[in-house]
Amino acid sequence: MHGYTWDKSQNSYSLVVGDKNKFGDQRIKYNKGFHKNSDLTNFLDCKCKGLPDFIYEYESKSKCRGIKLFYVEIDSVFIFEEPKKGKLQSILKESRRMDNYERDTYERLNAKK
């Protein structure tokens, strides 16, 4: 299912609310299945942070898939990306604070609920 919904998720933000019927939550599930045994899966399976508040999926210039996990309460973004094309074990590429655009994006996503 990861590939079937990739076009809709690529270069877009999706809210994650803990409802298995919502698109963002489905994309988390699909990414975990697609990137088995990876840093991404281990991170998402860890109970320490829980589910992100929203996500952003993209394809890098080198044609590698990436996902940004946004945690509003701790003001953090965790960015995972495939290390090279065809290698599906996504690794943690960067972690940082959220910027103003990302905070505003979260507000816009919540307004659409």
PDB file of N, CA and C in Angstrom:
ATOM      1  N   MET A   1       0.806  -1.199   0.000  1.00  0.00           N
ATOM      2  CA  MET A   1       0.000   0.000   0.000  1.00  0.00           C
ATOM      3  C   MET A   1       0.855   1.271   0.000  1.00  0.00           C
ATOM      4  N   HIS A   2       2.116   1.149   0.402  1.00  0.00           N
ATOM      5  CA  HIS A   2       2.989   2.326   0.437  1.00  0.00           C
ATOM      6  C   HIS A   2       3.067   2.970  -0.938  1.00  0.00           C
ATOM      7  N   GLY A   3       3.288   2.164  -1.952  1.00  0.00           N
ATOM      8  CA  GLY A   3       3.421   2.677  -3.310  1.00  0.00           C
ATOM      9  C   GLY A   3       2.114   3.188  -3.900  1.00  0.00           C
ATOM     10  N   TYR A   4       1.004   2.563  -3.533  1.00  0.00           N
ATOM     11  CA  TYR A   4      -0.288   2.969  -4.077  1.00  0.00           C
ATOM     12  C   TYR A   4      -0.706   4.367  -3.625  1.00  0.00           C
ATOM     13  N   THR A   5      -0.259   4.772  -2.449  1.00  0.00           N
ATOM     14  CA  THR A   5      -0.652   6.079  -1.926  1.00  0.00           C
ATOM     15  C   THR A   5       0.499   7.085  -1.957  1.00  0.00           C
ATOM     16  N   TRP A   6       1.626   6.698  -2.542  1.00  0.00           N
ATOM     17  CA  TRP A   6       2.799   7.576  -2.583  1.00  0.00           C
ATOM     18  C   TRP A   6       2.510   8.883  -3.322  1.00  0.00           C
ATOM     19  N   ASP A   7       1.827   8.823  -4.450  1.00  0.00           N
ATOM     20  CA  ASP A   7       1.543  10.040  -5.222  1.00  0.00           C
ATOM     21  C   ASP A   7       0.768  11.067  -4.403  1.00  0.00           C
ATOM     22  N   LYS A   8      -0.153  10.596  -3.602  1.00  0.00           N
ATOM     23  CA  LYS A   8      -0.959  11.504  -2.783  1.00  0.00           C
ATOM     24  C   LYS A   8      -0.163  12.068  -1.605  1.00  0.00           C
ATOM     25  N   SER A   9       0.800  11.310  -1.115  1.00  0.00           N
ATOM     26  CA  SER A   9       1.553  11.732   0.070  1.00  0.00           C
ATOM     27  C   SER A   9       2.822  12.512  -0.262  1.00  0.00           C
ATOM     28  N   GLN A  10       3.351  12.320  -1.458  1.00  0.00           N
ATOM     29  CA  GLN A  10       4.616  12.955  -1.829  1.00  0.00           C
ATOM     30  C   GLN A  10       4.484  14.478  -1.828  1.00  0.00           C
ATOM     31  N   ASN A  11       5.432  15.128  -1.176  1.00  0.00           N
ATOM     32  CA  ASN A  11       5.502  16.593  -1.086  1.00  0.00           C
ATOM     33  C   ASN A  11       4.262  17.204  -0.453  1.00  0.00           C
ATOM     34  N   SER A  12       3.713  16.510   0.535  1.00  0.00           N
ATOM     35  CA  SER A  12       2.573  17.071   1.244  1.00  0.00           C
ATOM     36  C   SER A  12       2.646  16.716   2.729  1.00  0.00           C
ATOM     37  N   TYR A  13       1.988  17.544   3.521  1.00  0.00           N
ATOM     38  CA  TYR A  13       1.920  17.344   4.965  1.00  0.00           C
ATOM     39  C   TYR A  13       0.659  16.556   5.285  1.00  0.00           C
ATOM     40  N   SER A  14       0.771  15.660   6.262  1.00  0.00           N
ATOM     41  CA  SER A  14      -0.385  14.867   6.699  1.00  0.00           C
ATOM     42  C   SER A  14      -0.435  14.856   8.217  1.00  0.00           C
ATOM     43  N   LEU A  15      -1.601  15.131   8.747  1.00  0.00           N
ATOM     44  CA  LEU A  15      -1.830  15.119  10.177  1.00  0.00           C
ATOM     45  C   LEU A  15      -1.920  13.676  10.666  1.00  0.00           C
ATOM     46  N   VAL A  16      -1.344  13.391  11.832  1.00  0.00           N
ATOM     47  CA  VAL A  16      -1.415  12.063  12.453  1.00  0.00           C
ATOM     48  C   VAL A  16      -2.201  12.233  13.752  1.00  0.00           C
ATOM     49  N   VAL A  17      -3.335  11.540  13.850  1.00  0.00           N
ATOM     50  CA  VAL A  17      -4.224  11.755  14.988  1.00  0.00           C
ATOM     51  C   VAL A  17      -4.493  10.497  15.817  1.00  0.00           C
ATOM     52  N   GLY A  18      -3.919   9.368  15.432  1.00  0.00           N
ATOM     53  CA  GLY A  18      -4.155   8.137  16.174  1.00  0.00           C
ATOM     54  C   GLY A  18      -5.405   7.389  15.736  1.00  0.00           C
ATOM     55  N   ASP A  19      -5.901   7.692  14.542  1.00  0.00           N
ATOM     56  CA  ASP A  19      -7.081   7.031  13.984  1.00  0.00           C
ATOM     57  C   ASP A  19      -6.635   6.253  12.748  1.00  0.00           C
ATOM     58  N   LYS A  20      -6.726   4.932  12.809  1.00  0.00           N
ATOM     59  CA  LYS A  20      -6.215   4.089  11.725  1.00  0.00           C
ATOM     60  C   LYS A  20      -6.883   4.366  10.385  1.00  0.00           C
ATOM     61  N   ASN A  21      -8.016   5.057  10.362  1.00  0.00           N
ATOM     62  CA  ASN A  21      -8.704   5.375   9.116  1.00  0.00           C
ATOM     63  C   ASN A  21      -8.267   6.697   8.496  1.00  0.00           C
ATOM     64  N   LYS A  22      -7.456   7.464   9.187  1.00  0.00           N
ATOM     65  CA  LYS A  22      -6.980   8.753   8.680  1.00  0.00           C
ATOM     66  C   LYS A  22      -5.714   8.548   7.852  1.00  0.00           C
ATOM     67  N   PHE A  23      -5.559   9.373   6.827  1.00  0.00           N
ATOM     68  CA  PHE A  23      -4.475   9.197   5.861  1.00  0.00           C
ATOM     69  C   PHE A  23      -3.088   9.249   6.507  1.00  0.00           C
ATOM     70  N   GLY A  24      -2.844  10.214   7.372  1.00  0.00           N
ATOM     71  CA  GLY A  24      -1.530  10.341   8.005  1.00  0.00           C
ATOM     72  C   GLY A  24      -1.160   9.108   8.817  1.00  0.00           C
ATOM     73  N   ASP A  25      -2.127   8.581   9.542  1.00  0.00           N
ATOM     74  CA  ASP A  25      -1.901   7.375  10.339  1.00  0.00           C
ATOM     75  C   ASP A  25      -1.642   6.166   9.440  1.00  0.00           C
ATOM     76  N   GLN A  26      -2.366   6.089   8.334  1.00  0.00           N
ATOM     77  CA  GLN A  26      -2.137   5.001   7.383  1.00  0.00           C
ATOM     78  C   GLN A  26      -0.731   5.094   6.805  1.00  0.00           C
ATOM     79  N   ARG A  27      -0.286   6.313   6.499  1.00  0.00           N
ATOM     80  CA  ARG A  27       1.054   6.487   5.922  1.00  0.00           C
ATOM     81  C   ARG A  27       2.144   6.071   6.919  1.00  0.00           C
ATOM     82  N   ILE A  28       1.924   6.324   8.207  1.00  0.00           N
ATOM     83  CA  ILE A  28       2.881   5.854   9.221  1.00  0.00           C
ATOM     84  C   ILE A  28       2.966   4.335   9.159  1.00  0.00           C
ATOM     85  N   LYS A  29       1.820   3.682   9.127  1.00  0.00           N
ATOM     86  CA  LYS A  29       1.777   2.215   9.059  1.00  0.00           C
ATOM     87  C   LYS A  29       2.475   1.709   7.792  1.00  0.00           C
ATOM     88  N   TYR A  30       2.183   2.324   6.659  1.00  0.00           N
ATOM     89  CA  TYR A  30       2.782   1.883   5.394  1.00  0.00           C
ATOM     90  C   TYR A  30       4.294   2.091   5.389  1.00  0.00           C
ATOM     91  N   ASN A  31       4.756   3.200   5.952  1.00  0.00           N
ATOM     92  CA  ASN A  31       6.193   3.455   6.011  1.00  0.00           C
ATOM     93  C   ASN A  31       6.897   2.440   6.903  1.00  0.00           C
ATOM     94  N   LYS A  32       6.265   2.081   8.013  1.00  0.00           N
ATOM     95  CA  LYS A  32       6.861   1.072   8.893  1.00  0.00           C
ATOM     96  C   LYS A  32       7.002  -0.257   8.167  1.00  0.00           C
ATOM     97  N   GLY A  33       5.998  -0.631   7.399  1.00  0.00           N
ATOM     98  CA  GLY A  33       6.061  -1.879   6.647  1.00  0.00           C
ATOM     99  C   GLY A  33       7.048  -1.830   5.497  1.00  0.00           C
ATOM    100  N   PHE A  34       7.140  -0.688   4.845  1.00  0.00           N
ATOM    101  CA  PHE A  34       8.015  -0.530   3.681  1.00  0.00           C
ATOM    102  C   PHE A  34       9.486  -0.438   4.081  1.00  0.00           C
ATOM    103  N   HIS A  35       9.758   0.193   5.196  1.00  0.00           N
ATOM    104  CA  HIS A  35      11.137   0.402   5.657  1.00  0.00           C
ATOM    105  C   HIS A  35      11.453  -0.506   6.847  1.00  0.00           C
ATOM    106  N   LYS A  36      11.137  -1.791   6.712  1.00  0.00           N
ATOM    107  CA  LYS A  36      11.354  -2.761   7.786  1.00  0.00           C
ATOM    108  C   LYS A  36      12.813  -2.758   8.235  1.00  0.00           C
ATOM    109  N   ASN A  37      12.995  -3.045   9.516  1.00  0.00           N
ATOM    110  CA  ASN A  37      14.342  -3.171  10.097  1.00  0.00           C
ATOM    111  C   ASN A  37      15.210  -1.949   9.826  1.00  0.00           C
ATOM    112  N   SER A  38      14.632  -0.785   9.958  1.00  0.00           N
ATOM    113  CA  SER A  38      15.374   0.448   9.713  1.00  0.00           C
ATOM    114  C   SER A  38      15.339   1.339  10.956  1.00  0.00           C
ATOM    115  N   ASP A  39      16.152   2.386  10.940  1.00  0.00           N
ATOM    116  CA  ASP A  39      16.117   3.370  12.021  1.00  0.00           C
ATOM    117  C   ASP A  39      14.723   3.979  12.138  1.00  0.00           C
ATOM    118  N   LEU A  40      14.072   4.201  11.005  1.00  0.00           N
ATOM    119  CA  LEU A  40      12.732   4.779  11.000  1.00  0.00           C
ATOM    120  C   LEU A  40      11.753   3.883  11.757  1.00  0.00           C
ATOM    121  N   THR A  41      11.737   2.614  11.449  1.00  0.00           N
ATOM    122  CA  THR A  41      10.829   1.680  12.105  1.00  0.00           C
ATOM    123  C   THR A  41      11.136   1.581  13.593  1.00  0.00           C
ATOM    124  N   ASN A  42      12.414   1.488  13.937  1.00  0.00           N
ATOM    125  CA  ASN A  42      12.790   1.417  15.348  1.00  0.00           C
ATOM    126  C   ASN A  42      12.344   2.668  16.095  1.00  0.00           C
ATOM    127  N   PHE A  43      12.495   3.818  15.474  1.00  0.00           N
ATOM    128  CA  PHE A  43      12.098   5.082  16.085  1.00  0.00           C
ATOM    129  C   PHE A  43      10.594   5.119  16.304  1.00  0.00           C
ATOM    130  N   LEU A  44       9.827   4.735  15.284  1.00  0.00           N
ATOM    131  CA  LEU A  44       8.364   4.760  15.393  1.00  0.00           C
ATOM    132  C   LEU A  44       7.841   3.718  16.375  1.00  0.00           C
ATOM    133  N   ASP A  45       8.545   2.602  16.522  1.00  0.00           N
ATOM    134  CA  ASP A  45       8.126   1.557  17.453  1.00  0.00           C
ATOM    135  C   ASP A  45       8.466   1.897  18.901  1.00  0.00           C
ATOM    136  N   CYS A  46       9.391   2.818  19.100  1.00  0.00           N
ATOM    137  CA  CYS A  46       9.787   3.223  20.445  1.00  0.00           C
ATOM    138  C   CYS A  46       8.635   3.974  21.103  1.00  0.00           C
ATOM    139  N   LYS A  47       8.294   3.582  22.313  1.00  0.00           N
ATOM    140  CA  LYS A  47       7.183   4.221  23.027  1.00  0.00           C
ATOM    141  C   LYS A  47       7.592   5.561  23.633  1.00  0.00           C
ATOM    142  N   CYS A  48       8.864   5.902  23.589  1.00  0.00           N
ATOM    143  CA  CYS A  48       9.358   7.108  24.259  1.00  0.00           C
ATOM    144  C   CYS A  48       8.792   8.401  23.665  1.00  0.00           C
ATOM    145  N   LYS A  49       8.585   8.448  22.369  1.00  0.00           N
ATOM    146  CA  LYS A  49       8.077   9.669  21.737  1.00  0.00           C
ATOM    147  C   LYS A  49       6.641   9.523  21.261  1.00  0.00           C
ATOM    148  N   GLY A  50       6.209   8.317  20.997  1.00  0.00           N
ATOM    149  CA  GLY A  50       4.859   8.108  20.488  1.00  0.00           C
ATOM    150  C   GLY A  50       4.765   8.492  19.012  1.00  0.00           C
ATOM    151  N   LEU A  51       3.552   8.659  18.547  1.00  0.00           N
ATOM    152  CA  LEU A  51       3.329   9.037  17.149  1.00  0.00           C
ATOM    153  C   LEU A  51       3.640  10.511  16.948  1.00  0.00           C
ATOM    154  N   PRO A  52       4.116  10.872  15.767  1.00  0.00           N
ATOM    155  CA  PRO A  52       4.317  12.302  15.483  1.00  0.00           C
ATOM    156  C   PRO A  52       2.958  13.000  15.355  1.00  0.00           C
ATOM    157  N   ASP A  53       2.966  14.324  15.434  1.00  0.00           N
ATOM    158  CA  ASP A  53       1.736  15.093  15.267  1.00  0.00           C
ATOM    159  C   ASP A  53       1.381  15.247  13.793  1.00  0.00           C
ATOM    160  N   PHE A  54       2.408  15.341  12.944  1.00  0.00           N
ATOM    161  CA  PHE A  54       2.190  15.372  11.502  1.00  0.00           C
ATOM    162  C   PHE A  54       3.477  14.968  10.804  1.00  0.00           C
ATOM    163  N   ILE A  55       3.339  14.653   9.518  1.00  0.00           N
ATOM    164  CA  ILE A  55       4.483  14.167   8.729  1.00  0.00           C
ATOM    165  C   ILE A  55       4.544  14.902   7.392  1.00  0.00           C
ATOM    166  N   TYR A  56       5.717  14.816   6.784  1.00  0.00           N
ATOM    167  CA  TYR A  56       5.926  15.330   5.425  1.00  0.00           C
ATOM    168  C   TYR A  56       6.774  14.298   4.704  1.00  0.00           C
ATOM    169  N   GLU A  57       6.313  13.837   3.542  1.00  0.00           N
ATOM    170  CA  GLU A  57       7.056  12.853   2.759  1.00  0.00           C
ATOM    171  C   GLU A  57       7.561  13.494   1.475  1.00  0.00           C
ATOM    172  N   TYR A  58       8.739  13.081   1.052  1.00  0.00           N
ATOM    173  CA  TYR A  58       9.372  13.695  -0.117  1.00  0.00           C
ATOM    174  C   TYR A  58      10.310  12.705  -0.802  1.00  0.00           C
ATOM    175  N   GLU A  59      10.785  13.112  -1.965  1.00  0.00           N
ATOM    176  CA  GLU A  59      11.829  12.374  -2.676  1.00  0.00           C
ATOM    177  C   GLU A  59      12.998  13.329  -2.858  1.00  0.00           C
ATOM    178  N   SER A  60      14.194  12.887  -2.468  1.00  0.00           N
ATOM    179  CA  SER A  60      15.373  13.740  -2.542  1.00  0.00           C
ATOM    180  C   SER A  60      15.852  13.873  -3.991  1.00  0.00           C
ATOM    181  N   LYS A  61      16.814  14.749  -4.187  1.00  0.00           N
ATOM    182  CA  LYS A  61      17.391  14.936  -5.530  1.00  0.00           C
ATOM    183  C   LYS A  61      18.008  13.648  -6.059  1.00  0.00           C
ATOM    184  N   SER A  62      18.482  12.797  -5.135  1.00  0.00           N
ATOM    185  CA  SER A  62      19.083  11.525  -5.545  1.00  0.00           C
ATOM    186  C   SER A  62      18.054  10.388  -5.623  1.00  0.00           C
ATOM    187  N   LYS A  63      16.752  10.767  -5.679  1.00  0.00           N
ATOM    188  CA  LYS A  63      15.639   9.835  -5.863  1.00  0.00           C
ATOM    189  C   LYS A  63      15.440   8.888  -4.669  1.00  0.00           C
ATOM    190  N   CYS A  64      15.850   9.322  -3.488  1.00  0.00           N
ATOM    191  CA  CYS A  64      15.639   8.550  -2.267  1.00  0.00           C
ATOM    192  C   CYS A  64      14.405   9.093  -1.552  1.00  0.00           C
ATOM    193  N   ARG A  65      13.612   8.189  -0.981  1.00  0.00           N
ATOM    194  CA  ARG A  65      12.428   8.607  -0.245  1.00  0.00           C
ATOM    195  C   ARG A  65      12.829   9.094   1.139  1.00  0.00           C
ATOM    196  N   GLY A  66      12.111  10.120   1.596  1.00  0.00           N
ATOM    197  CA  GLY A  66      12.357  10.640   2.930  1.00  0.00           C
ATOM    198  C   GLY A  66      11.057  10.978   3.626  1.00  0.00           C
ATOM    199  N   ILE A  67      11.131  11.068   4.937  1.00  0.00           N
ATOM    200  CA  ILE A  67       9.967  11.446   5.736  1.00  0.00           C
ATOM    201  C   ILE A  67      10.442  12.309   6.900  1.00  0.00           C
ATOM    202  N   LYS A  68       9.681  13.362   7.158  1.00  0.00           N
ATOM    203  CA  LYS A  68       9.936  14.225   8.306  1.00  0.00           C
ATOM    204  C   LYS A  68       8.831  13.962   9.313  1.00  0.00           C
ATOM    205  N   LEU A  69       9.226  13.682  10.554  1.00  0.00           N
ATOM    206  CA  LEU A  69       8.290  13.440  11.635  1.00  0.00           C
ATOM    207  C   LEU A  69       8.302  14.654  12.551  1.00  0.00           C
ATOM    208  N   PHE A  70       7.157  15.283  12.735  1.00  0.00           N
ATOM    209  CA  PHE A  70       7.052  16.515  13.520  1.00  0.00           C
ATOM    210  C   PHE A  70       6.386  16.231  14.863  1.00  0.00           C
ATOM    211  N   TYR A  71       7.060  16.637  15.931  1.00  0.00           N
ATOM    212  CA  TYR A  71       6.552  16.517  17.295  1.00  0.00           C
ATOM    213  C   TYR A  71       6.408  17.924  17.860  1.00  0.00           C
ATOM    214  N   VAL A  72       5.192  18.419  17.892  1.00  0.00           N
ATOM    215  CA  VAL A  72       4.930  19.808  18.263  1.00  0.00           C
ATOM    216  C   VAL A  72       5.266  20.069  19.731  1.00  0.00           C
ATOM    217  N   GLU A  73       4.845  19.190  20.611  1.00  0.00           N
ATOM    218  CA  GLU A  73       5.032  19.411  22.045  1.00  0.00           C
ATOM    219  C   GLU A  73       6.499  19.559  22.430  1.00  0.00           C
ATOM    220  N   ILE A  74       7.369  18.818  21.772  1.00  0.00           N
ATOM    221  CA  ILE A  74       8.802  18.932  22.084  1.00  0.00           C
ATOM    222  C   ILE A  74       9.537  19.784  21.049  1.00  0.00           C
ATOM    223  N   ASP A  75       8.767  20.431  20.146  1.00  0.00           N
ATOM    224  CA  ASP A  75       9.319  21.349  19.150  1.00  0.00           C
ATOM    225  C   ASP A  75      10.474  20.719  18.361  1.00  0.00           C
ATOM    226  N   SER A  76      10.222  19.525  17.829  1.00  0.00           N
ATOM    227  CA  SER A  76      11.289  18.784  17.157  1.00  0.00           C
ATOM    228  C   SER A  76      10.826  18.161  15.850  1.00  0.00           C
ATOM    229  N   VAL A  77      11.790  18.048  14.933  1.00  0.00           N
ATOM    230  CA  VAL A  77      11.591  17.381  13.649  1.00  0.00           C
ATOM    231  C   VAL A  77      12.680  16.324  13.526  1.00  0.00           C
ATOM    232  N   PHE A  78      12.283  15.115  13.156  1.00  0.00           N
ATOM    233  CA  PHE A  78      13.222  14.027  12.925  1.00  0.00           C
ATOM    234  C   PHE A  78      13.088  13.632  11.461  1.00  0.00           C
ATOM    235  N   ILE A  79      14.203  13.687  10.741  1.00  0.00           N
ATOM    236  CA  ILE A  79      14.191  13.456   9.297  1.00  0.00           C
ATOM    237  C   ILE A  79      14.892  12.136   8.992  1.00  0.00           C
ATOM    238  N   PHE A  80      14.153  11.248   8.346  1.00  0.00           N
ATOM    239  CA  PHE A  80      14.679   9.943   7.956  1.00  0.00           C
ATOM    240  C   PHE A  80      14.686   9.859   6.442  1.00  0.00           C
ATOM    241  N   GLU A  81      15.738   9.242   5.896  1.00  0.00           N
ATOM    242  CA  GLU A  81      15.863   9.135   4.448  1.00  0.00           C
ATOM    243  C   GLU A  81      16.597   7.847   4.088  1.00  0.00           C
ATOM    244  N   GLU A  82      16.235   7.301   2.944  1.00  0.00           N
ATOM    245  CA  GLU A  82      16.967   6.139   2.441  1.00  0.00           C
ATOM    246  C   GLU A  82      18.395   6.575   2.144  1.00  0.00           C
ATOM    247  N   PRO A  83      19.394   5.770   2.540  1.00  0.00           N
ATOM    248  CA  PRO A  83      20.787   6.175   2.330  1.00  0.00           C
ATOM    249  C   PRO A  83      21.193   6.255   0.860  1.00  0.00           C
ATOM    250  N   LYS A  84      20.568   5.435   0.026  1.00  0.00           N
ATOM    251  CA  LYS A  84      20.795   5.520  -1.421  1.00  0.00           C
ATOM    252  C   LYS A  84      19.621   4.861  -2.124  1.00  0.00           C
ATOM    253  N   LYS A  85      19.466   5.172  -3.378  1.00  0.00           N
ATOM    254  CA  LYS A  85      18.329   4.666  -4.151  1.00  0.00           C
ATOM    255  C   LYS A  85      18.287   3.141  -4.100  1.00  0.00           C
ATOM    256  N   GLY A  86      17.116   2.611  -3.782  1.00  0.00           N
ATOM    257  CA  GLY A  86      16.934   1.167  -3.730  1.00  0.00           C
ATOM    258  C   GLY A  86      17.261   0.550  -2.384  1.00  0.00           C
ATOM    259  N   LYS A  87      17.890   1.286  -1.481  1.00  0.00           N
ATOM    260  CA  LYS A  87      18.181   0.770  -0.141  1.00  0.00           C
ATOM    261  C   LYS A  87      17.103   1.308   0.795  1.00  0.00           C
ATOM    262  N   LEU A  88      16.190   0.446   1.201  1.00  0.00           N
ATOM    263  CA  LEU A  88      14.978   0.867   1.891  1.00  0.00           C
ATOM    264  C   LEU A  88      15.137   1.065   3.396  1.00  0.00           C
ATOM    265  N   GLN A  89      16.288   0.768   3.964  1.00  0.00           N
ATOM    266  CA  GLN A  89      16.487   0.920   5.403  1.00  0.00           C
ATOM    267  C   GLN A  89      16.789   2.381   5.734  1.00  0.00           C
ATOM    268  N   SER A  90      15.724   3.163   5.867  1.00  0.00           N
ATOM    269  CA  SER A  90      15.851   4.593   6.142  1.00  0.00           C
ATOM    270  C   SER A  90      16.642   4.834   7.424  1.00  0.00           C
ATOM    271  N   ILE A  91      17.493   5.840   7.388  1.00  0.00           N
ATOM    272  CA  ILE A  91      18.316   6.203   8.534  1.00  0.00           C
ATOM    273  C   ILE A  91      17.973   7.619   8.986  1.00  0.00           C
ATOM    274  N   LEU A  92      18.300   7.913  10.232  1.00  0.00           N
ATOM    275  CA  LEU A  92      18.102   9.255  10.746  1.00  0.00           C
ATOM    276  C   LEU A  92      19.139  10.166  10.100  1.00  0.00           C
ATOM    277  N   LYS A  93      18.653  11.119   9.365  1.00  0.00           N
ATOM    278  CA  LYS A  93      19.535  12.038   8.650  1.00  0.00           C
ATOM    279  C   LYS A  93      19.777  13.313   9.462  1.00  0.00           C
ATOM    280  N   GLU A  94      18.724  13.764  10.177  1.00  0.00           N
ATOM    281  CA  GLU A  94      18.834  15.023  10.900  1.00  0.00           C
ATOM    282  C   GLU A  94      17.731  15.106  11.947  1.00  0.00           C
ATOM    283  N   SER A  95      18.025  15.805  13.029  1.00  0.00           N
ATOM    284  CA  SER A  95      16.991  16.197  13.991  1.00  0.00           C
ATOM    285  C   SER A  95      17.240  17.661  14.328  1.00  0.00           C
ATOM    286  N   ARG A  96      16.146  18.401  14.478  1.00  0.00           N
ATOM    287  CA  ARG A  96      16.272  19.843  14.705  1.00  0.00           C
ATOM    288  C   ARG A  96      14.984  20.372  15.302  1.00  0.00           C
ATOM    289  N   ARG A  97      15.002  21.653  15.629  1.00  0.00           N
ATOM    290  CA  ARG A  97      13.804  22.345  16.109  1.00  0.00           C
ATOM    291  C   ARG A  97      12.919  22.681  14.913  1.00  0.00           C
ATOM    292  N   MET A  98      11.628  22.804  15.167  1.00  0.00           N
ATOM    293  CA  MET A  98      10.694  23.199  14.114  1.00  0.00           C
ATOM    294  C   MET A  98      10.888  24.681  13.814  1.00  0.00           C
ATOM    295  N   ASP A  99      10.669  25.060  12.554  1.00  0.00           N
ATOM    296  CA  ASP A  99      10.731  26.478  12.197  1.00  0.00           C
ATOM    297  C   ASP A  99       9.319  27.068  12.194  1.00  0.00           C
ATOM    298  N   ASN A 100       9.214  28.365  12.002  1.00  0.00           N
ATOM    299  CA  ASN A 100       7.918  29.043  12.056  1.00  0.00           C
ATOM    300  C   ASN A 100       6.944  28.536  10.995  1.00  0.00           C
ATOM    301  N   TYR A 101       7.448  28.266   9.790  1.00  0.00           N
ATOM    302  CA  TYR A 101       6.580  27.752   8.725  1.00  0.00           C
ATOM    303  C   TYR A 101       5.967  26.415   9.135  1.00  0.00           C
ATOM    304  N   GLU A 102       6.760  25.564   9.743  1.00  0.00           N
ATOM    305  CA  GLU A 102       6.273  24.247  10.153  1.00  0.00           C
ATOM    306  C   GLU A 102       5.245  24.368  11.292  1.00  0.00           C
ATOM    307  N   ARG A 103       5.469  25.282  12.215  1.00  0.00           N
ATOM    308  CA  ARG A 103       4.484  25.518  13.281  1.00  0.00           C
ATOM    309  C   ARG A 103       3.169  26.027  12.681  1.00  0.00           C
ATOM    310  N   ASP A 104       3.283  26.953  11.729  1.00  0.00           N
ATOM    311  CA  ASP A 104       2.088  27.475  11.050  1.00  0.00           C
ATOM    312  C   ASP A 104       1.375  26.381  10.261  1.00  0.00           C
ATOM    313  N   THR A 105       2.145  25.504   9.648  1.00  0.00           N
ATOM    314  CA  THR A 105       1.563  24.386   8.893  1.00  0.00           C
ATOM    315  C   THR A 105       0.735  23.500   9.811  1.00  0.00           C
ATOM    316  N   TYR A 106       1.236  23.238  10.995  1.00  0.00           N
ATOM    317  CA  TYR A 106       0.486  22.430  11.964  1.00  0.00           C
ATOM    318  C   TYR A 106      -0.842  23.104  12.317  1.00  0.00           C
ATOM    319  N   GLU A 107      -0.801  24.395  12.505  1.00  0.00           N
ATOM    320  CA  GLU A 107      -2.027  25.142  12.808  1.00  0.00           C
ATOM    321  C   GLU A 107      -3.025  25.044  11.640  1.00  0.00           C
ATOM    322  N   ARG A 108      -2.532  25.165  10.410  1.00  0.00           N
ATOM    323  CA  ARG A 108      -3.403  25.066   9.231  1.00  0.00           C
ATOM    324  C   ARG A 108      -4.005  23.660   9.119  1.00  0.00           C
ATOM    325  N   LEU A 109      -3.187  22.639   9.367  1.00  0.00           N
ATOM    326  CA  LEU A 109      -3.703  21.260   9.305  1.00  0.00           C
ATOM    327  C   LEU A 109      -4.785  21.034  10.352  1.00  0.00           C
ATOM    328  N   ASN A 110      -4.594  21.560  11.535  1.00  0.00           N
ATOM    329  CA  ASN A 110      -5.607  21.400  12.593  1.00  0.00           C
ATOM    330  C   ASN A 110      -6.870  22.172  12.289  1.00  0.00           C
ATOM    331  N   ALA A 111      -6.754  23.282  11.602  1.00  0.00           N
ATOM    332  CA  ALA A 111      -7.930  24.074  11.238  1.00  0.00           C
ATOM    333  C   ALA A 111      -8.806  23.339  10.232  1.00  0.00           C
ATOM    334  N   LYS A 112      -8.204  22.467   9.415  1.00  0.00           N
ATOM    335  CA  LYS A 112      -8.942  21.724   8.383  1.00  0.00           C
ATOM    336  C   LYS A 112      -9.683  20.513   8.954  1.00  0.00           C
ATOM    337  N   LYS A 113      -9.357  20.087  10.158  1.00  0.00           N
ATOM    338  CA  LYS A 113      -9.959  18.868  10.730  1.00  0.00           C
ATOM    339  C   LYS A 113     -11.464  18.909  10.699  1.00  0.00           C
TER     340      LYS A 113
END
